[in-house]
Amino acid sequence: MAMSFDPFSELDRLTGGLLQSRSAPRVMPVDLYRDQQRYVLSADLPGVDPGSVDVDVDGQLLTIRAQRSAASADGVKWLTRERAEGSYLRQFSIGEGVDTAQISASYENGVLSVIIPISERAKPRKIEVETPSDSAPAESRTITA
């Protein structure tokens, strides 16, 4: 007599409680780069309601929170549920060289983009080195910033 084996049912049985009982925030994958003017952070949050996304700065700590709700369908028997629900959380230490008042964020096609401008005082700048003129003594050389 052959036994029937449904891998999805077996997997659900083995991990169903484990996946649904996880209360710890999920980690969202991010890309982060810096150009001359700003940091650009892109975070993957597919299926997240934009209204649940919260970006805030407290001192030098940038926090991103989001919530993904479970799909609800009354009267159905789920065969598999692999799209995780729950909260997402990432925190970044942004240092003192950014303009926290000008941070902006947008959410499009499941990607959160956060633009973090670099403050004027932290941007690279060229320092001119003056050379002595014929009438000025060599000791009066100055460096200005």
Protein backbone atom coordinates (compact mmCIF):
# COMPACT_ATOMS: atom_id res chain seq x y z
CA MET A 1 0.00 0.00 0.00
CA ALA A 2 1.50 3.37 -1.09
CA MET A 3 1.34 6.31 1.27
CA SER A 4 0.59 9.79 0.03
CA PHE A 5 3.06 12.51 1.06
CA ASP A 6 2.27 16.20 0.67
CA PRO A 7 5.51 18.17 1.33
CA PHE A 8 3.62 21.42 1.92
CA SER A 9 1.40 19.90 4.60
CA GLU A 10 4.38 18.25 6.30
CA LEU A 11 6.37 21.49 6.24
CA ASP A 12 3.42 23.45 7.60
CA ARG A 13 2.96 20.91 10.37
CA LEU A 14 6.63 21.05 11.35
CA THR A 15 7.11 24.81 11.17
CA GLY A 16 3.63 26.27 11.46
CA GLY A 17 3.88 27.10 15.13
CA LEU A 18 7.46 28.29 14.85
CA LEU A 19 6.80 30.86 12.09
CA GLN A 20 3.60 32.19 13.57
CA SER A 21 4.94 32.53 17.11
CA ARG A 22 7.98 34.64 16.23
CA SER A 23 7.40 37.98 17.86
CA ALA A 24 10.83 39.45 17.24
CA PRO A 25 11.00 42.15 14.57
CA ARG A 26 12.12 40.98 11.17
CA VAL A 27 15.21 42.48 9.60
CA MET A 28 14.70 44.37 6.37
CA PRO A 29 17.47 44.14 3.75
CA VAL A 30 19.02 47.52 2.94
CA ASP A 31 21.52 49.10 0.57
CA LEU A 32 23.36 52.19 1.77
CA TYR A 33 25.81 54.40 -0.07
CA ARG A 34 27.32 57.86 0.21
CA ASP A 35 28.04 60.35 -2.53
CA GLN A 36 29.48 63.85 -2.05
CA GLN A 37 26.20 65.39 -0.85
CA ARG A 38 24.25 62.68 0.98
CA TYR A 39 23.71 59.14 2.17
CA VAL A 40 21.06 57.13 0.32
CA LEU A 41 19.42 54.19 2.08
CA SER A 42 17.10 51.80 0.21
CA ALA A 43 15.15 49.22 2.23
CA ASP A 44 13.09 46.36 0.80
CA LEU A 45 9.61 46.27 2.34
CA PRO A 46 7.42 44.39 -0.16
CA GLY A 47 3.77 44.14 0.73
CA VAL A 48 4.04 46.65 3.57
CA ASP A 49 1.27 49.25 3.86
CA PRO A 50 2.94 52.67 3.41
CA GLY A 51 0.84 53.99 6.29
CA SER A 52 2.62 51.62 8.66
CA VAL A 53 6.12 52.84 7.77
CA ASP A 54 7.67 55.08 10.42
CA VAL A 55 11.06 56.79 10.05
CA ASP A 56 12.38 58.88 12.93
CA VAL A 57 15.58 60.40 14.23
CA ASP A 58 16.39 60.68 17.92
CA GLY A 59 19.75 62.32 18.41
CA GLN A 60 22.12 60.32 16.25
CA LEU A 61 19.88 57.25 15.92
CA LEU A 62 17.79 56.73 12.76
CA THR A 63 15.01 54.17 13.27
CA ILE A 64 12.85 52.57 10.59
CA ARG A 65 9.76 50.60 11.63
CA ALA A 66 7.10 48.96 9.47
CA GLN A 67 4.29 46.45 9.84
CA ARG A 68 3.15 43.82 7.39
CA SER A 69 -0.32 42.46 8.07
CA ALA A 70 -1.38 38.92 7.28
CA ALA A 71 -3.56 38.34 4.25
CA SER A 72 -7.04 37.56 5.44
CA ALA A 73 -9.47 35.35 3.62
CA ASP A 74 -12.46 33.86 5.38
CA GLY A 75 -13.48 30.33 4.55
CA VAL A 76 -10.24 29.26 2.87
CA LYS A 77 -7.82 26.48 3.68
CA TRP A 78 -4.26 27.73 3.35
CA LEU A 79 -1.97 25.29 1.54
CA THR A 80 1.14 27.28 2.38
CA ARG A 81 1.88 30.68 3.91
CA GLU A 82 5.45 31.74 3.23
CA ARG A 83 4.97 35.51 3.14
CA ALA A 84 5.82 36.51 6.68
CA GLU A 85 3.72 38.96 8.62
CA GLY A 86 4.83 41.06 11.54
CA SER A 87 6.95 44.05 12.36
CA TYR A 88 10.19 45.18 10.75
CA LEU A 89 12.86 47.23 12.50
CA ARG A 90 16.26 48.68 11.59
CA GLN A 91 18.32 51.23 13.46
CA PHE A 92 21.37 53.14 12.24
CA SER A 93 23.83 55.36 14.06
CA ILE A 94 24.11 58.34 11.73
CA GLY A 95 26.94 60.25 13.40
CA GLU A 96 27.29 63.98 13.75
CA GLY A 97 28.08 64.87 10.14
CA VAL A 98 24.53 64.77 8.78
CA ASP A 99 21.79 67.37 8.53
CA THR A 100 19.04 65.60 10.50
CA ALA A 101 16.53 68.41 9.84
CA GLN A 102 16.66 67.71 6.09
CA ILE A 103 16.26 63.89 6.10
CA SER A 104 13.49 62.80 3.71
CA ALA A 105 11.84 59.47 2.91
CA SER A 106 9.65 58.03 0.16
CA TYR A 107 8.05 54.63 -0.45
CA GLU A 108 7.43 53.25 -3.93
CA ASN A 109 6.98 49.73 -5.32
CA GLY A 110 7.89 48.08 -2.01
CA VAL A 111 11.12 50.05 -1.55
CA LEU A 112 11.65 52.68 1.13
CA SER A 113 14.20 55.34 0.15
CA VAL A 114 15.71 57.56 2.83
CA ILE A 115 17.87 60.52 1.83
CA ILE A 116 20.23 61.72 4.56
CA PRO A 117 22.01 64.96 3.59
CA ILE A 118 25.55 65.54 4.75
CA SER A 119 25.91 68.76 6.76
CA GLU A 120 27.88 71.61 5.23
CA ARG A 121 30.56 71.38 7.92
CA ALA A 122 31.14 67.69 7.17
CA LYS A 123 31.42 68.02 3.38
CA PRO A 124 34.88 67.82 1.87
CA ARG A 125 36.27 71.22 1.00
CA LYS A 126 39.36 72.60 -0.63
CA ILE A 127 41.64 74.68 1.55
CA GLU A 128 43.59 77.31 -0.31
CA VAL A 129 47.24 77.63 0.56
CA GLU A 130 48.45 81.18 0.20
CA THR A 131 51.98 81.92 -0.95
CA PRO A 132 53.99 84.91 0.19
CA SER A 133 54.03 87.91 -2.10
CA ASP A 134 57.18 89.88 -2.80
CA SER A 135 56.40 92.30 0.03
CA ALA A 136 55.23 89.84 2.70
CA PRO A 137 57.73 87.91 4.83
CA ALA A 138 57.69 84.09 4.63
CA GLU A 139 56.52 83.79 8.27
CA SER A 140 53.07 85.22 7.40
CA ARG A 141 51.85 82.22 5.42
CA THR A 142 48.33 81.27 6.42
CA ILE A 143 45.95 78.43 5.77
CA THR A 144 42.30 79.37 5.53
CA ALA A 145 39.28 77.17 5.73
